Protein backbone atom coordinates (compact mmCIF):
# COMPACT_ATOMS: atom_id res chain seq x y z
CA UNK A 1 0.00 0.00 0.00
CA UNK A 2 1.25 3.45 -0.89
CA UNK A 3 1.37 5.77 2.12
CA UNK A 4 2.09 9.43 1.47
CA UNK A 5 3.07 12.30 3.80
CA UNK A 6 -0.56 13.17 4.56
CA UNK A 7 -1.32 9.56 5.52
CA UNK A 8 1.75 9.50 7.75
CA UNK A 9 0.70 12.70 9.48
CA UNK A 10 -2.81 11.36 10.07
CA UNK A 11 -1.41 8.08 11.42
CA UNK A 12 1.06 9.89 13.69
CA UNK A 13 -1.73 12.06 15.10
CA UNK A 14 -4.01 9.07 15.70
CA UNK A 15 -1.19 7.16 17.42
CA UNK A 16 -0.84 10.02 19.88
CA UNK A 17 -4.57 10.65 20.38
CA UNK A 18 -7.24 8.47 18.75
CA UNK A 19 -9.96 10.70 20.17
CA UNK A 20 -9.18 13.57 17.77
CA UNK A 21 -12.24 14.53 15.77
CA UNK A 22 -12.41 14.21 12.01
CA UNK A 23 -12.45 18.00 11.70
CA UNK A 24 -9.32 18.34 13.87
CA UNK A 25 -7.51 15.73 11.78
CA UNK A 26 -8.64 17.28 8.49
CA UNK A 27 -7.55 20.76 9.55
CA UNK A 28 -4.11 19.52 10.63
CA UNK A 29 -3.43 17.99 7.20
CA UNK A 30 -5.08 20.81 5.19
CA UNK A 31 -8.01 18.76 3.89
CA UNK A 32 -11.74 19.06 4.16
CA UNK A 33 -13.49 16.41 6.21
CA UNK A 34 -14.70 14.24 3.30
CA UNK A 35 -11.27 13.58 1.70
CA UNK A 36 -9.79 13.10 5.19
CA UNK A 37 -12.51 10.58 6.07
CA UNK A 38 -11.86 8.75 2.77
CA UNK A 39 -8.14 8.48 3.61
CA UNK A 40 -8.90 7.12 7.07
CA UNK A 41 -11.42 4.66 5.63
CA UNK A 42 -8.85 3.48 3.04
CA UNK A 43 -6.22 2.99 5.78
CA UNK A 44 -8.73 1.03 7.88
CA UNK A 45 -9.87 -1.15 4.98
CA UNK A 46 -6.24 -1.89 4.07
CA UNK A 47 -5.57 -2.97 7.66
CA UNK A 48 -3.06 -0.21 8.40
CA UNK A 49 -5.40 1.07 11.12
CA UNK A 50 -6.39 -2.06 13.00
CA UNK A 51 -8.45 -0.44 15.72
CA UNK A 52 -8.71 2.45 18.13
CA UNK A 53 -8.30 1.68 21.82
CA UNK A 54 -7.85 3.24 25.24
CA UNK A 55 -4.40 2.61 26.72
CA UNK A 56 -4.64 1.74 30.40
CA UNK A 57 -1.99 2.20 33.09
CA UNK A 58 -1.22 -1.32 34.35
CA UNK A 59 0.23 -0.10 37.65
CA UNK A 60 -2.89 1.93 38.43
CA UNK A 61 -4.82 -1.33 38.00
CA UNK A 62 -2.47 -3.34 40.21
CA UNK A 63 -0.69 -5.10 37.34
CA UNK A 64 2.87 -4.07 38.07
CA UNK A 65 4.74 -7.38 37.58
CA UNK A 66 6.14 -7.95 34.08
CA UNK A 67 7.77 -11.26 33.19
CA UNK A 68 9.42 -12.36 29.98
CA UNK A 69 9.04 -16.10 29.53
CA UNK A 70 11.37 -17.91 27.15
CA UNK A 71 10.26 -21.36 26.02
CA UNK A 72 12.00 -24.25 24.27
CA UNK A 73 10.29 -27.26 22.78
CA UNK A 74 11.53 -30.44 21.18
CA UNK A 75 8.31 -30.80 19.16
CA UNK A 76 8.28 -28.62 16.06
CA UNK A 77 5.37 -30.28 14.29
CA UNK A 78 2.57 -28.18 12.83
CA UNK A 79 0.04 -29.92 15.09
CA UNK A 80 2.02 -29.10 18.27
CA UNK A 81 2.58 -25.53 17.11
CA UNK A 82 -1.15 -24.98 16.49
CA UNK A 83 -2.08 -26.49 19.86
CA UNK A 84 0.56 -24.36 21.60
CA UNK A 85 -0.56 -21.14 19.90
CA UNK A 86 -4.21 -21.84 20.69
CA UNK A 87 -3.58 -22.58 24.37
CA UNK A 88 -1.13 -19.76 25.05
CA UNK A 89 -3.33 -17.24 23.23
CA UNK A 90 -6.14 -18.01 25.70
CA UNK A 91 -4.16 -16.63 28.68
CA UNK A 92 -5.24 -13.04 29.29
CA UNK A 93 -1.96 -12.44 31.17
CA UNK A 94 0.02 -12.94 27.92
CA UNK A 95 0.37 -9.46 26.46
CA UNK A 96 2.77 -10.38 23.65
CA UNK A 97 3.67 -13.74 22.10
CA UNK A 98 6.49 -14.34 19.61
CA UNK A 99 8.08 -17.24 17.75
CA UNK A 100 11.81 -16.64 18.00
CA UNK A 101 15.06 -17.40 16.23
CA UNK A 102 18.01 -18.27 18.45
CA UNK A 103 18.35 -20.24 21.67
CA UNK A 104 14.65 -20.19 22.53
CA UNK A 105 11.67 -21.04 20.36
CA UNK A 106 9.05 -18.70 21.86
CA UNK A 107 8.88 -15.61 24.04
CA UNK A 108 5.93 -14.33 26.04
CA UNK A 109 5.48 -10.99 27.75
CA UNK A 110 3.32 -11.68 30.79
CA UNK A 111 1.64 -9.06 32.96
CA UNK A 112 0.36 -10.01 36.43
CA UNK A 113 -0.15 -8.54 39.89
CA UNK A 114 2.85 -10.07 41.70
CA UNK A 115 5.23 -13.04 41.96
CA UNK A 116 2.53 -15.22 43.48
CA UNK A 117 0.27 -14.51 40.51
CA UNK A 118 3.12 -15.24 38.12
CA UNK A 119 3.79 -18.57 39.86
CA UNK A 120 0.12 -19.53 39.40
CA UNK A 121 0.30 -18.51 35.73
CA UNK A 122 3.52 -20.50 35.25
CA UNK A 123 2.08 -23.66 36.79
CA UNK A 124 -1.06 -23.40 34.68
CA UNK A 125 0.99 -22.82 31.53
CA UNK A 126 3.30 -25.80 31.92
CA UNK A 127 0.39 -28.08 32.82
CA UNK A 128 -1.73 -26.86 29.88
CA UNK A 129 0.94 -27.40 27.24
CA UNK A 130 2.70 -30.76 26.91
CA UNK A 131 5.98 -30.82 25.03
CA UNK A 132 7.68 -27.82 26.61
CA UNK A 133 11.28 -28.85 27.28
CA UNK A 134 12.60 -25.70 28.97
CA UNK A 135 11.13 -22.51 30.44
CA UNK A 136 13.22 -19.57 31.58
CA UNK A 137 11.69 -16.42 33.04
CA UNK A 138 13.17 -13.01 33.61
CA UNK A 139 11.46 -10.15 35.39
CA UNK A 140 11.40 -6.44 34.64
CA UNK A 141 12.54 -4.30 37.55
CA UNK A 142 11.58 -1.00 35.90
CA UNK A 143 9.84 0.05 32.70
CA UNK A 144 12.10 2.64 31.12
CA UNK A 145 10.37 3.08 27.76
CA UNK A 146 7.02 1.85 26.56
CA UNK A 147 5.23 3.04 23.47
CA UNK A 148 2.59 1.82 21.08
CA UNK A 149 3.58 4.42 18.47
CA UNK A 150 5.20 2.93 15.38
CA UNK A 151 8.25 4.71 13.90
CA UNK A 152 6.56 6.23 10.85
CA UNK A 153 9.75 8.05 9.78
CA UNK A 154 10.99 4.65 8.56
CA UNK A 155 7.93 4.03 6.37
C-alpha atoms as a PDB file:
ATOM      1  CA  UNK A   1       0.000   0.000   0.000  1.00  0.00           C
ATOM      2  CA  UNK A   2       1.253   3.454  -0.895  1.00  0.00           C
ATOM      3  CA  UNK A   3       1.366   5.768   2.124  1.00  0.00           C
ATOM      4  CA  UNK A   4       2.086   9.435   1.469  1.00  0.00           C
ATOM      5  CA  UNK A   5       3.066  12.296   3.795  1.00  0.00           C
ATOM      6  CA  UNK A   6      -0.561  13.170   4.555  1.00  0.00           C
ATOM      7  CA  UNK A   7      -1.323   9.562   5.521  1.00  0.00           C
ATOM      8  CA  UNK A   8       1.754   9.498   7.751  1.00  0.00           C
ATOM      9  CA  UNK A   9       0.705  12.700   9.485  1.00  0.00           C
ATOM     10  CA  UNK A  10      -2.807  11.356  10.072  1.00  0.00           C
ATOM     11  CA  UNK A  11      -1.410   8.085  11.421  1.00  0.00           C
ATOM     12  CA  UNK A  12       1.063   9.895  13.687  1.00  0.00           C
ATOM     13  CA  UNK A  13      -1.726  12.056  15.102  1.00  0.00           C
ATOM     14  CA  UNK A  14      -4.010   9.073  15.699  1.00  0.00           C
ATOM     15  CA  UNK A  15      -1.195   7.161  17.417  1.00  0.00           C
ATOM     16  CA  UNK A  16      -0.842  10.020  19.879  1.00  0.00           C
ATOM     17  CA  UNK A  17      -4.568  10.645  20.381  1.00  0.00           C
ATOM     18  CA  UNK A  18      -7.238   8.468  18.749  1.00  0.00           C
ATOM     19  CA  UNK A  19      -9.962  10.701  20.171  1.00  0.00           C
ATOM     20  CA  UNK A  20      -9.177  13.567  17.769  1.00  0.00           C
ATOM     21  CA  UNK A  21     -12.242  14.531  15.772  1.00  0.00           C
ATOM     22  CA  UNK A  22     -12.408  14.214  12.013  1.00  0.00           C
ATOM     23  CA  UNK A  23     -12.454  18.002  11.699  1.00  0.00           C
ATOM     24  CA  UNK A  24      -9.317  18.343  13.866  1.00  0.00           C
ATOM     25  CA  UNK A  25      -7.507  15.730  11.779  1.00  0.00           C
ATOM     26  CA  UNK A  26      -8.637  17.279   8.489  1.00  0.00           C
ATOM     27  CA  UNK A  27      -7.551  20.759   9.554  1.00  0.00           C
ATOM     28  CA  UNK A  28      -4.106  19.520  10.631  1.00  0.00           C
ATOM     29  CA  UNK A  29      -3.430  17.990   7.204  1.00  0.00           C
ATOM     30  CA  UNK A  30      -5.083  20.811   5.187  1.00  0.00           C
ATOM     31  CA  UNK A  31      -8.006  18.757   3.892  1.00  0.00           C
ATOM     32  CA  UNK A  32     -11.737  19.057   4.163  1.00  0.00           C
ATOM     33  CA  UNK A  33     -13.488  16.408   6.212  1.00  0.00           C
ATOM     34  CA  UNK A  34     -14.699  14.243   3.298  1.00  0.00           C
ATOM     35  CA  UNK A  35     -11.271  13.578   1.705  1.00  0.00           C
ATOM     36  CA  UNK A  36      -9.790  13.100   5.193  1.00  0.00           C
ATOM     37  CA  UNK A  37     -12.512  10.585   6.073  1.00  0.00           C
ATOM     38  CA  UNK A  38     -11.863   8.748   2.771  1.00  0.00           C
ATOM     39  CA  UNK A  39      -8.143   8.477   3.610  1.00  0.00           C
ATOM     40  CA  UNK A  40      -8.904   7.118   7.071  1.00  0.00           C
ATOM     41  CA  UNK A  41     -11.422   4.663   5.629  1.00  0.00           C
ATOM     42  CA  UNK A  42      -8.851   3.477   3.044  1.00  0.00           C
ATOM     43  CA  UNK A  43      -6.225   2.995   5.783  1.00  0.00           C
ATOM     44  CA  UNK A  44      -8.735   1.025   7.883  1.00  0.00           C
ATOM     45  CA  UNK A  45      -9.873  -1.150   4.975  1.00  0.00           C
ATOM     46  CA  UNK A  46      -6.243  -1.889   4.066  1.00  0.00           C
ATOM     47  CA  UNK A  47      -5.571  -2.973   7.661  1.00  0.00           C
ATOM     48  CA  UNK A  48      -3.064  -0.209   8.402  1.00  0.00           C
ATOM     49  CA  UNK A  49      -5.400   1.073  11.119  1.00  0.00           C
ATOM     50  CA  UNK A  50      -6.390  -2.062  13.003  1.00  0.00           C
ATOM     51  CA  UNK A  51      -8.449  -0.438  15.724  1.00  0.00           C
ATOM     52  CA  UNK A  52      -8.711   2.449  18.131  1.00  0.00           C
ATOM     53  CA  UNK A  53      -8.298   1.678  21.816  1.00  0.00           C
ATOM     54  CA  UNK A  54      -7.848   3.236  25.235  1.00  0.00           C
ATOM     55  CA  UNK A  55      -4.402   2.612  26.722  1.00  0.00           C
ATOM     56  CA  UNK A  56      -4.643   1.739  30.402  1.00  0.00           C
ATOM     57  CA  UNK A  57      -1.986   2.202  33.086  1.00  0.00           C
ATOM     58  CA  UNK A  58      -1.219  -1.323  34.350  1.00  0.00           C
ATOM     59  CA  UNK A  59       0.233  -0.104  37.654  1.00  0.00           C
ATOM     60  CA  UNK A  60      -2.891   1.930  38.425  1.00  0.00           C
ATOM     61  CA  UNK A  61      -4.817  -1.329  38.001  1.00  0.00           C
ATOM     62  CA  UNK A  62      -2.465  -3.341  40.206  1.00  0.00           C
ATOM     63  CA  UNK A  63      -0.693  -5.104  37.341  1.00  0.00           C
ATOM     64  CA  UNK A  64       2.866  -4.071  38.067  1.00  0.00           C
ATOM     65  CA  UNK A  65       4.740  -7.378  37.584  1.00  0.00           C
ATOM     66  CA  UNK A  66       6.142  -7.953  34.082  1.00  0.00           C
ATOM     67  CA  UNK A  67       7.767 -11.263  33.189  1.00  0.00           C
ATOM     68  CA  UNK A  68       9.418 -12.356  29.979  1.00  0.00           C
ATOM     69  CA  UNK A  69       9.037 -16.096  29.535  1.00  0.00           C
ATOM     70  CA  UNK A  70      11.374 -17.912  27.145  1.00  0.00           C
ATOM     71  CA  UNK A  71      10.256 -21.360  26.025  1.00  0.00           C
ATOM     72  CA  UNK A  72      11.997 -24.254  24.265  1.00  0.00           C
ATOM     73  CA  UNK A  73      10.289 -27.258  22.783  1.00  0.00           C
ATOM     74  CA  UNK A  74      11.527 -30.443  21.178  1.00  0.00           C
ATOM     75  CA  UNK A  75       8.309 -30.798  19.158  1.00  0.00           C
ATOM     76  CA  UNK A  76       8.283 -28.616  16.059  1.00  0.00           C
ATOM     77  CA  UNK A  77       5.367 -30.277  14.295  1.00  0.00           C
ATOM     78  CA  UNK A  78       2.575 -28.180  12.833  1.00  0.00           C
ATOM     79  CA  UNK A  79       0.044 -29.918  15.093  1.00  0.00           C
ATOM     80  CA  UNK A  80       2.021 -29.097  18.267  1.00  0.00           C
ATOM     81  CA  UNK A  81       2.576 -25.527  17.108  1.00  0.00           C
ATOM     82  CA  UNK A  82      -1.145 -24.979  16.489  1.00  0.00           C
ATOM     83  CA  UNK A  83      -2.085 -26.494  19.863  1.00  0.00           C
ATOM     84  CA  UNK A  84       0.557 -24.363  21.604  1.00  0.00           C
ATOM     85  CA  UNK A  85      -0.563 -21.135  19.904  1.00  0.00           C
ATOM     86  CA  UNK A  86      -4.213 -21.844  20.689  1.00  0.00           C
ATOM     87  CA  UNK A  87      -3.582 -22.579  24.370  1.00  0.00           C
ATOM     88  CA  UNK A  88      -1.130 -19.761  25.053  1.00  0.00           C
ATOM     89  CA  UNK A  89      -3.330 -17.242  23.234  1.00  0.00           C
ATOM     90  CA  UNK A  90      -6.144 -18.005  25.697  1.00  0.00           C
ATOM     91  CA  UNK A  91      -4.156 -16.635  28.677  1.00  0.00           C
ATOM     92  CA  UNK A  92      -5.235 -13.039  29.287  1.00  0.00           C
ATOM     93  CA  UNK A  93      -1.955 -12.441  31.168  1.00  0.00           C
ATOM     94  CA  UNK A  94       0.023 -12.940  27.924  1.00  0.00           C
ATOM     95  CA  UNK A  95       0.365  -9.462  26.459  1.00  0.00           C
ATOM     96  CA  UNK A  96       2.767 -10.380  23.648  1.00  0.00           C
ATOM     97  CA  UNK A  97       3.670 -13.737  22.097  1.00  0.00           C
ATOM     98  CA  UNK A  98       6.490 -14.344  19.613  1.00  0.00           C
ATOM     99  CA  UNK A  99       8.083 -17.242  17.750  1.00  0.00           C
ATOM    100  CA  UNK A 100      11.807 -16.638  17.997  1.00  0.00           C
ATOM    101  CA  UNK A 101      15.062 -17.395  16.229  1.00  0.00           C
ATOM    102  CA  UNK A 102      18.010 -18.269  18.450  1.00  0.00           C
ATOM    103  CA  UNK A 103      18.351 -20.242  21.674  1.00  0.00           C
ATOM    104  CA  UNK A 104      14.653 -20.188  22.529  1.00  0.00           C
ATOM    105  CA  UNK A 105      11.669 -21.039  20.357  1.00  0.00           C
ATOM    106  CA  UNK A 106       9.051 -18.699  21.858  1.00  0.00           C
ATOM    107  CA  UNK A 107       8.880 -15.611  24.037  1.00  0.00           C
ATOM    108  CA  UNK A 108       5.928 -14.325  26.041  1.00  0.00           C
ATOM    109  CA  UNK A 109       5.478 -10.987  27.751  1.00  0.00           C
ATOM    110  CA  UNK A 110       3.316 -11.677  30.789  1.00  0.00           C
ATOM    111  CA  UNK A 111       1.641  -9.058  32.965  1.00  0.00           C
ATOM    112  CA  UNK A 112       0.358 -10.013  36.427  1.00  0.00           C
ATOM    113  CA  UNK A 113      -0.148  -8.542  39.894  1.00  0.00           C
ATOM    114  CA  UNK A 114       2.850 -10.068  41.697  1.00  0.00           C
ATOM    115  CA  UNK A 115       5.229 -13.037  41.962  1.00  0.00           C
ATOM    116  CA  UNK A 116       2.525 -15.220  43.482  1.00  0.00           C
ATOM    117  CA  UNK A 117       0.265 -14.506  40.507  1.00  0.00           C
ATOM    118  CA  UNK A 118       3.121 -15.242  38.124  1.00  0.00           C
ATOM    119  CA  UNK A 119       3.785 -18.566  39.858  1.00  0.00           C
ATOM    120  CA  UNK A 120       0.122 -19.525  39.404  1.00  0.00           C
ATOM    121  CA  UNK A 121       0.304 -18.511  35.735  1.00  0.00           C
ATOM    122  CA  UNK A 122       3.518 -20.499  35.249  1.00  0.00           C
ATOM    123  CA  UNK A 123       2.083 -23.663  36.790  1.00  0.00           C
ATOM    124  CA  UNK A 124      -1.058 -23.404  34.684  1.00  0.00           C
ATOM    125  CA  UNK A 125       0.986 -22.818  31.527  1.00  0.00           C
ATOM    126  CA  UNK A 126       3.304 -25.802  31.924  1.00  0.00           C
ATOM    127  CA  UNK A 127       0.386 -28.082  32.823  1.00  0.00           C
ATOM    128  CA  UNK A 128      -1.726 -26.857  29.885  1.00  0.00           C
ATOM    129  CA  UNK A 129       0.941 -27.403  27.244  1.00  0.00           C
ATOM    130  CA  UNK A 130       2.701 -30.759  26.910  1.00  0.00           C
ATOM    131  CA  UNK A 131       5.982 -30.822  25.026  1.00  0.00           C
ATOM    132  CA  UNK A 132       7.679 -27.823  26.611  1.00  0.00           C
ATOM    133  CA  UNK A 133      11.276 -28.849  27.282  1.00  0.00           C
ATOM    134  CA  UNK A 134      12.602 -25.696  28.969  1.00  0.00           C
ATOM    135  CA  UNK A 135      11.132 -22.506  30.441  1.00  0.00           C
ATOM    136  CA  UNK A 136      13.223 -19.566  31.582  1.00  0.00           C
ATOM    137  CA  UNK A 137      11.692 -16.423  33.039  1.00  0.00           C
ATOM    138  CA  UNK A 138      13.170 -13.010  33.611  1.00  0.00           C
ATOM    139  CA  UNK A 139      11.461 -10.146  35.394  1.00  0.00           C
ATOM    140  CA  UNK A 140      11.401  -6.438  34.637  1.00  0.00           C
ATOM    141  CA  UNK A 141      12.537  -4.298  37.547  1.00  0.00           C
ATOM    142  CA  UNK A 142      11.582  -0.997  35.900  1.00  0.00           C
ATOM    143  CA  UNK A 143       9.840   0.049  32.701  1.00  0.00           C
ATOM    144  CA  UNK A 144      12.100   2.636  31.115  1.00  0.00           C
ATOM    145  CA  UNK A 145      10.366   3.082  27.762  1.00  0.00           C
ATOM    146  CA  UNK A 146       7.019   1.853  26.564  1.00  0.00           C
ATOM    147  CA  UNK A 147       5.227   3.037  23.469  1.00  0.00           C
ATOM    148  CA  UNK A 148       2.588   1.823  21.085  1.00  0.00           C
ATOM    149  CA  UNK A 149       3.576   4.424  18.471  1.00  0.00           C
ATOM    150  CA  UNK A 150       5.196   2.927  15.377  1.00  0.00           C
ATOM    151  CA  UNK A 151       8.245   4.709  13.899  1.00  0.00           C
ATOM    152  CA  UNK A 152       6.560   6.235  10.851  1.00  0.00           C
ATOM    153  CA  UNK A 153       9.746   8.052   9.782  1.00  0.00           C
ATOM    154  CA  UNK A 154      10.992   4.653   8.557  1.00  0.00           C
ATOM    155  CA  UNK A 155       7.928   4.025   6.366  1.00  0.00           C
END
